[in-house]
PDB file of all heavy atoms in Angstrom:
ATOM      1  N   GLU A   1       8.669  -5.116  -5.241  1.00  0.00           N
ATOM      2  CA  GLU A   1       7.868  -4.775  -4.072  1.00  0.00           C
ATOM      3  C   GLU A   1       7.700  -3.262  -3.994  1.00  0.00           C
ATOM      4  O   GLU A   1       8.654  -2.522  -4.217  1.00  0.00           O
ATOM      5  CB  GLU A   1       8.538  -5.277  -2.788  1.00  0.00           C
ATOM      6  CG  GLU A   1       8.719  -6.781  -2.754  1.00  0.00           C
ATOM      7  CD  GLU A   1       9.564  -7.236  -1.563  1.00  0.00           C
ATOM      8  OE1 GLU A   1       9.787  -6.420  -0.643  1.00  0.00           O
ATOM      9  OE2 GLU A   1      10.026  -8.387  -1.574  1.00  0.00           O
ATOM     10  N   VAL A   2       6.495  -2.809  -3.646  1.00  0.00           N
ATOM     11  CA  VAL A   2       6.254  -1.368  -3.568  1.00  0.00           C
ATOM     12  C   VAL A   2       5.172  -1.082  -2.531  1.00  0.00           C
ATOM     13  O   VAL A   2       4.286  -1.905  -2.290  1.00  0.00           O
ATOM     14  CB  VAL A   2       5.844  -0.805  -4.957  1.00  0.00           C
ATOM     15  CG1 VAL A   2       4.578  -1.458  -5.467  1.00  0.00           C
ATOM     16  CG2 VAL A   2       5.695   0.703  -4.930  1.00  0.00           C
ATOM     17  N   MET A   3       5.296   0.089  -1.898  1.00  0.00           N
ATOM     18  CA  MET A   3       4.288   0.590  -0.968  1.00  0.00           C
ATOM     19  C   MET A   3       3.717   1.882  -1.529  1.00  0.00           C
ATOM     20  O   MET A   3       4.453   2.710  -2.071  1.00  0.00           O
ATOM     21  CB  MET A   3       4.904   0.878   0.402  1.00  0.00           C
ATOM     22  CG  MET A   3       5.472  -0.318   1.111  1.00  0.00           C
ATOM     23  SD  MET A   3       6.448   0.151   2.584  1.00  0.00           S
ATOM     24  CE  MET A   3       5.176   0.872   3.650  1.00  0.00           C
ATOM     25  N   VAL A   4       2.414   2.069  -1.391  1.00  0.00           N
ATOM     26  CA  VAL A   4       1.757   3.310  -1.828  1.00  0.00           C
ATOM     27  C   VAL A   4       0.912   3.849  -0.678  1.00  0.00           C
ATOM     28  O   VAL A   4       0.120   3.114  -0.081  1.00  0.00           O
ATOM     29  CB  VAL A   4       0.854   3.081  -3.059  1.00  0.00           C
ATOM     30  CG1 VAL A   4       0.154   4.386  -3.452  1.00  0.00           C
ATOM     31  CG2 VAL A   4       1.672   2.559  -4.239  1.00  0.00           C
ATOM     32  N   LYS A   5       1.080   5.125  -0.366  1.00  0.00           N
ATOM     33  CA  LYS A   5       0.287   5.775   0.686  1.00  0.00           C
ATOM     34  C   LYS A   5      -1.075   6.133   0.121  1.00  0.00           C
ATOM     35  O   LYS A   5      -1.196   6.920  -0.821  1.00  0.00           O
ATOM     36  CB  LYS A   5       0.998   7.038   1.173  1.00  0.00           C
ATOM     37  CG  LYS A   5       0.364   7.655   2.405  1.00  0.00           C
ATOM     38  CD  LYS A   5       0.642   6.842   3.650  1.00  0.00           C
ATOM     39  CE  LYS A   5       0.371   7.659   4.912  1.00  0.00           C
ATOM     40  NZ  LYS A   5       0.741   6.932   6.137  1.00  0.00           N
ATOM     41  N   ARG A   6      -2.130   5.547   0.718  1.00  0.00           N
ATOM     42  CA  ARG A   6      -3.487   5.772   0.255  1.00  0.00           C
ATOM     43  C   ARG A   6      -4.143   6.891   1.059  1.00  0.00           C
ATOM     44  O   ARG A   6      -3.559   7.470   1.981  1.00  0.00           O
ATOM     45  CB  ARG A   6      -4.289   4.479   0.351  1.00  0.00           C
ATOM     46  CG  ARG A   6      -3.703   3.316  -0.456  1.00  0.00           C
ATOM     47  CD  ARG A   6      -3.663   3.608  -1.959  1.00  0.00           C
ATOM     48  NE  ARG A   6      -4.979   3.923  -2.441  1.00  0.00           N
ATOM     49  CZ  ARG A   6      -5.877   3.012  -2.858  1.00  0.00           C
ATOM     50  NH1 ARG A   6      -5.552   1.727  -2.836  1.00  0.00           N
ATOM     51  NH2 ARG A   6      -7.055   3.373  -3.277  1.00  0.00           N
ATOM     52  N   GLU A   7      -5.401   7.174   0.737  1.00  0.00           N
ATOM     53  CA  GLU A   7      -6.132   8.247   1.387  1.00  0.00           C
ATOM     54  C   GLU A   7      -6.385   7.944   2.863  1.00  0.00           C
ATOM     55  O   GLU A   7      -6.394   6.784   3.281  1.00  0.00           O
ATOM     56  CB  GLU A   7      -7.461   8.484   0.665  1.00  0.00           C
ATOM     57  CG  GLU A   7      -8.415   7.305   0.676  1.00  0.00           C
ATOM     58  CD  GLU A   7      -8.148   6.258  -0.385  1.00  0.00           C
ATOM     59  OE1 GLU A   7      -7.145   6.374  -1.129  1.00  0.00           O
ATOM     60  OE2 GLU A   7      -8.965   5.309  -0.475  1.00  0.00           O
ATOM     61  N   ALA A   8      -6.577   8.988   3.649  1.00  0.00           N
ATOM     62  CA  ALA A   8      -6.807   8.824   5.088  1.00  0.00           C
ATOM     63  C   ALA A   8      -8.008   7.916   5.334  1.00  0.00           C
ATOM     64  O   ALA A   8      -9.064   8.073   4.712  1.00  0.00           O
ATOM     65  CB  ALA A   8      -7.029  10.187   5.737  1.00  0.00           C
ATOM     66  N   GLY A   9      -7.844   6.947   6.235  1.00  0.00           N
ATOM     67  CA  GLY A   9      -8.917   6.014   6.548  1.00  0.00           C
ATOM     68  C   GLY A   9      -8.904   4.758   5.699  1.00  0.00           C
ATOM     69  O   GLY A   9      -9.723   3.859   5.903  1.00  0.00           O
ATOM     70  N   PHE A  10      -7.991   4.658   4.738  1.00  0.00           N
ATOM     71  CA  PHE A  10      -7.936   3.488   3.858  1.00  0.00           C
ATOM     72  C   PHE A  10      -7.716   2.211   4.663  1.00  0.00           C
ATOM     73  O   PHE A  10      -8.388   1.201   4.459  1.00  0.00           O
ATOM     74  CB  PHE A  10      -6.829   3.665   2.824  1.00  0.00           C
ATOM     75  CG  PHE A  10      -6.571   2.453   1.979  1.00  0.00           C
ATOM     76  CD1 PHE A  10      -7.420   2.125   0.938  1.00  0.00           C
ATOM     77  CD2 PHE A  10      -5.472   1.624   2.230  1.00  0.00           C
ATOM     78  CE1 PHE A  10      -7.187   0.991   0.161  1.00  0.00           C
ATOM     79  CE2 PHE A  10      -5.238   0.504   1.465  1.00  0.00           C
ATOM     80  CZ  PHE A  10      -6.096   0.189   0.423  1.00  0.00           C
ATOM     81  N   ASN A  11      -6.744   2.245   5.579  1.00  0.00           N
ATOM     82  CA  ASN A  11      -6.473   1.099   6.451  1.00  0.00           C
ATOM     83  C   ASN A  11      -5.680   1.584   7.654  1.00  0.00           C
ATOM     84  O   ASN A  11      -4.456   1.725   7.574  1.00  0.00           O
ATOM     85  CB  ASN A  11      -5.690   0.012   5.702  1.00  0.00           C
ATOM     86  CG  ASN A  11      -5.554  -1.268   6.511  1.00  0.00           C
ATOM     87  OD1 ASN A  11      -5.638  -1.252   7.742  1.00  0.00           O
ATOM     88  ND2 ASN A  11      -5.334  -2.384   5.838  1.00  0.00           N
ATOM     89  N   PRO A  12      -6.362   1.831   8.775  1.00  0.00           N
ATOM     90  CA  PRO A  12      -5.661   2.332   9.965  1.00  0.00           C
ATOM     91  C   PRO A  12      -4.546   1.412  10.449  1.00  0.00           C
ATOM     92  O   PRO A  12      -3.553   1.886  11.005  1.00  0.00           O
ATOM     93  CB  PRO A  12      -6.774   2.433  11.007  1.00  0.00           C
ATOM     94  CG  PRO A  12      -8.037   2.553  10.211  1.00  0.00           C
ATOM     95  CD  PRO A  12      -7.813   1.718   8.983  1.00  0.00           C
ATOM     96  N   VAL A  13      -4.694   0.114  10.248  1.00  0.00           N
ATOM     97  CA  VAL A  13      -3.691  -0.839  10.717  1.00  0.00           C
ATOM     98  C   VAL A  13      -2.351  -0.625  10.007  1.00  0.00           C
ATOM     99  O   VAL A  13      -1.280  -0.738  10.603  1.00  0.00           O
ATOM    100  CB  VAL A  13      -4.170  -2.291  10.508  1.00  0.00           C
ATOM    101  CG1 VAL A  13      -3.069  -3.288  10.860  1.00  0.00           C
ATOM    102  CG2 VAL A  13      -5.411  -2.560  11.356  1.00  0.00           C
ATOM    103  N   THR A  14      -2.399  -0.297   8.712  1.00  0.00           N
ATOM    104  CA  THR A  14      -1.174  -0.082   7.933  1.00  0.00           C
ATOM    105  C   THR A  14      -0.824   1.398   7.813  1.00  0.00           C
ATOM    106  O   THR A  14       0.042   1.763   7.017  1.00  0.00           O
ATOM    107  CB  THR A  14      -1.320  -0.647   6.509  1.00  0.00           C
ATOM    108  OG1 THR A  14      -2.346   0.092   5.814  1.00  0.00           O
ATOM    109  CG2 THR A  14      -1.688  -2.115   6.531  1.00  0.00           C
ATOM    110  N   LYS A  15      -1.479   2.224   8.617  1.00  0.00           N
ATOM    111  CA  LYS A  15      -1.305   3.686   8.529  1.00  0.00           C
ATOM    112  C   LYS A  15      -1.567   4.172   7.103  1.00  0.00           C
ATOM    113  O   LYS A  15      -0.916   5.079   6.598  1.00  0.00           O
ATOM    114  CB  LYS A  15       0.092   4.092   9.006  1.00  0.00           C
ATOM    115  CG  LYS A  15       0.323   3.832  10.492  1.00  0.00           C
ATOM    116  CD  LYS A  15       1.614   4.449  10.982  1.00  0.00           C
ATOM    117  CE  LYS A  15       1.768   4.256  12.499  1.00  0.00           C
ATOM    118  NZ  LYS A  15       3.021   4.849  13.016  1.00  0.00           N
ATOM    119  N   ASP A  16      -2.537   3.519   6.463  1.00  0.00           N
ATOM    120  CA  ASP A  16      -3.021   3.869   5.126  1.00  0.00           C
ATOM    121  C   ASP A  16      -2.039   3.526   4.011  1.00  0.00           C
ATOM    122  O   ASP A  16      -2.203   3.977   2.872  1.00  0.00           O
ATOM    123  CB  ASP A  16      -3.437   5.346   5.030  1.00  0.00           C
ATOM    124  CG  ASP A  16      -4.548   5.690   5.990  1.00  0.00           C
ATOM    125  OD1 ASP A  16      -5.436   4.838   6.200  1.00  0.00           O
ATOM    126  OD2 ASP A  16      -4.520   6.789   6.575  1.00  0.00           O
ATOM    127  N   TRP A  17      -1.050   2.697   4.292  1.00  0.00           N
ATOM    128  CA  TRP A  17      -0.193   2.174   3.225  1.00  0.00           C
ATOM    129  C   TRP A  17      -0.860   0.954   2.602  1.00  0.00           C
ATOM    130  O   TRP A  17      -1.518   0.173   3.277  1.00  0.00           O
ATOM    131  CB  TRP A  17       1.162   1.756   3.775  1.00  0.00           C
ATOM    132  CG  TRP A  17       2.070   2.879   4.171  1.00  0.00           C
ATOM    133  CD1 TRP A  17       2.314   3.335   5.441  1.00  0.00           C
ATOM    134  CD2 TRP A  17       2.858   3.693   3.304  1.00  0.00           C
ATOM    135  NE1 TRP A  17       3.210   4.376   5.410  1.00  0.00           N
ATOM    136  CE2 TRP A  17       3.566   4.628   4.112  1.00  0.00           C
ATOM    137  CE3 TRP A  17       3.045   3.731   1.916  1.00  0.00           C
ATOM    138  CZ2 TRP A  17       4.439   5.573   3.581  1.00  0.00           C
ATOM    139  CZ3 TRP A  17       3.916   4.669   1.389  1.00  0.00           C
ATOM    140  CH2 TRP A  17       4.602   5.581   2.209  1.00  0.00           C
ATOM    141  N   GLU A  18      -0.651   0.790   1.296  1.00  0.00           N
ATOM    142  CA  GLU A  18      -1.045  -0.446   0.614  1.00  0.00           C
ATOM    143  C   GLU A  18       0.227  -1.075   0.047  1.00  0.00           C
ATOM    144  O   GLU A  18       1.048  -0.389  -0.559  1.00  0.00           O
ATOM    145  CB  GLU A  18      -2.045  -0.191  -0.512  1.00  0.00           C
ATOM    146  CG  GLU A  18      -2.546  -1.471  -1.158  1.00  0.00           C
ATOM    147  CD  GLU A  18      -3.655  -1.254  -2.179  1.00  0.00           C
ATOM    148  OE1 GLU A  18      -3.884  -0.095  -2.588  1.00  0.00           O
ATOM    149  OE2 GLU A  18      -4.294  -2.240  -2.568  1.00  0.00           O
ATOM    150  N   TYR A  19       0.377  -2.384   0.276  1.00  0.00           N
ATOM    151  CA  TYR A  19       1.538  -3.111  -0.208  1.00  0.00           C
ATOM    152  C   TYR A  19       1.211  -3.791  -1.533  1.00  0.00           C
ATOM    153  O   TYR A  19       0.095  -4.271  -1.755  1.00  0.00           O
ATOM    154  CB  TYR A  19       1.959  -4.179   0.803  1.00  0.00           C
ATOM    155  CG  TYR A  19       2.287  -3.645   2.178  1.00  0.00           C
ATOM    156  CD1 TYR A  19       1.365  -3.761   3.226  1.00  0.00           C
ATOM    157  CD2 TYR A  19       3.511  -3.034   2.442  1.00  0.00           C
ATOM    158  CE1 TYR A  19       1.664  -3.287   4.500  1.00  0.00           C
ATOM    159  CE2 TYR A  19       3.810  -2.549   3.712  1.00  0.00           C
ATOM    160  CZ  TYR A  19       2.879  -2.674   4.731  1.00  0.00           C
ATOM    161  OH  TYR A  19       3.177  -2.194   5.993  1.00  0.00           O
ATOM    162  N   PHE A  20       2.221  -3.874  -2.406  1.00  0.00           N
ATOM    163  CA  PHE A  20       2.053  -4.512  -3.705  1.00  0.00           C
ATOM    164  C   PHE A  20       3.213  -5.465  -3.968  1.00  0.00           C
ATOM    165  O   PHE A  20       4.374  -5.124  -3.753  1.00  0.00           O
ATOM    166  CB  PHE A  20       2.038  -3.470  -4.830  1.00  0.00           C
ATOM    167  CG  PHE A  20       0.850  -2.551  -4.813  1.00  0.00           C
ATOM    168  CD1 PHE A  20       0.819  -1.458  -3.966  1.00  0.00           C
ATOM    169  CD2 PHE A  20      -0.238  -2.765  -5.660  1.00  0.00           C
ATOM    170  CE1 PHE A  20      -0.275  -0.593  -3.939  1.00  0.00           C
ATOM    171  CE2 PHE A  20      -1.328  -1.911  -5.647  1.00  0.00           C
ATOM    172  CZ  PHE A  20      -1.353  -0.830  -4.783  1.00  0.00           C
ATOM    173  N   ASP A  21       2.875  -6.653  -4.429  1.00  0.00           N
ATOM    174  CA  ASP A  21       3.868  -7.628  -4.894  1.00  0.00           C
ATOM    175  C   ASP A  21       3.721  -7.685  -6.409  1.00  0.00           C
ATOM    176  O   ASP A  21       2.618  -7.924  -6.927  1.00  0.00           O
ATOM    177  CB  ASP A  21       3.602  -8.989  -4.255  1.00  0.00           C
ATOM    178  CG  ASP A  21       4.604 -10.036  -4.684  1.00  0.00           C
ATOM    179  OD1 ASP A  21       5.727  -9.668  -5.067  1.00  0.00           O
ATOM    180  OD2 ASP A  21       4.267 -11.244  -4.632  1.00  0.00           O
ATOM    181  N   LEU A  22       4.818  -7.474  -7.135  1.00  0.00           N
ATOM    182  CA  LEU A  22       4.745  -7.300  -8.582  1.00  0.00           C
ATOM    183  C   LEU A  22       5.479  -8.402  -9.336  1.00  0.00           C
ATOM    184  O   LEU A  22       6.510  -8.899  -8.889  1.00  0.00           O
ATOM    185  CB  LEU A  22       5.363  -5.955  -8.988  1.00  0.00           C
ATOM    186  CG  LEU A  22       4.887  -4.701  -8.256  1.00  0.00           C
ATOM    187  CD1 LEU A  22       5.702  -3.493  -8.724  1.00  0.00           C
ATOM    188  CD2 LEU A  22       3.397  -4.468  -8.462  1.00  0.00           C
ATOM    189  N   ASP A  23       4.951  -8.754 -10.505  1.00  0.00           N
ATOM    190  CA  ASP A  23       5.699  -9.499 -11.514  1.00  0.00           C
ATOM    191  C   ASP A  23       6.197  -8.476 -12.522  1.00  0.00           C
ATOM    192  O   ASP A  23       5.417  -7.624 -12.987  1.00  0.00           O
ATOM    193  CB  ASP A  23       4.803 -10.514 -12.226  1.00  0.00           C
ATOM    194  CG  ASP A  23       4.734 -11.839 -11.494  1.00  0.00           C
ATOM    195  OD1 ASP A  23       5.691 -12.169 -10.766  1.00  0.00           O
ATOM    196  OD2 ASP A  23       3.726 -12.554 -11.649  1.00  0.00           O
ATOM    197  N   ILE A  24       7.476  -8.529 -12.857  1.00  0.00           N
ATOM    198  CA  ILE A  24       8.021  -7.542 -13.786  1.00  0.00           C
ATOM    199  C   ILE A  24       8.759  -8.232 -14.923  1.00  0.00           C
ATOM    200  O   ILE A  24       9.301  -9.327 -14.766  1.00  0.00           O
ATOM    201  CB  ILE A  24       8.967  -6.556 -13.067  1.00  0.00           C
ATOM    202  CG1 ILE A  24      10.145  -7.293 -12.435  1.00  0.00           C
ATOM    203  CG2 ILE A  24       8.209  -5.770 -12.014  1.00  0.00           C
ATOM    204  CD1 ILE A  24      11.191  -6.383 -11.834  1.00  0.00           C
ATOM    205  N   SER A  25       8.755  -7.579 -16.089  1.00  0.00           N
ATOM    206  CA  SER A  25       9.465  -8.078 -17.257  1.00  0.00           C
ATOM    207  C   SER A  25       9.745  -6.893 -18.163  1.00  0.00           C
ATOM    208  O   SER A  25       9.324  -5.760 -17.878  1.00  0.00           O
ATOM    209  CB  SER A  25       8.611  -9.119 -18.009  1.00  0.00           C
ATOM    210  OG  SER A  25       7.486  -8.481 -18.599  1.00  0.00           O
TER     211      SER A  25
END
């Protein structure tokens, strides 16, 4: 699981964070 801060205005609801669910190997 990871969060990345995106550019201003990307998503006001998430305060511009984007969430990622990953498969890893």
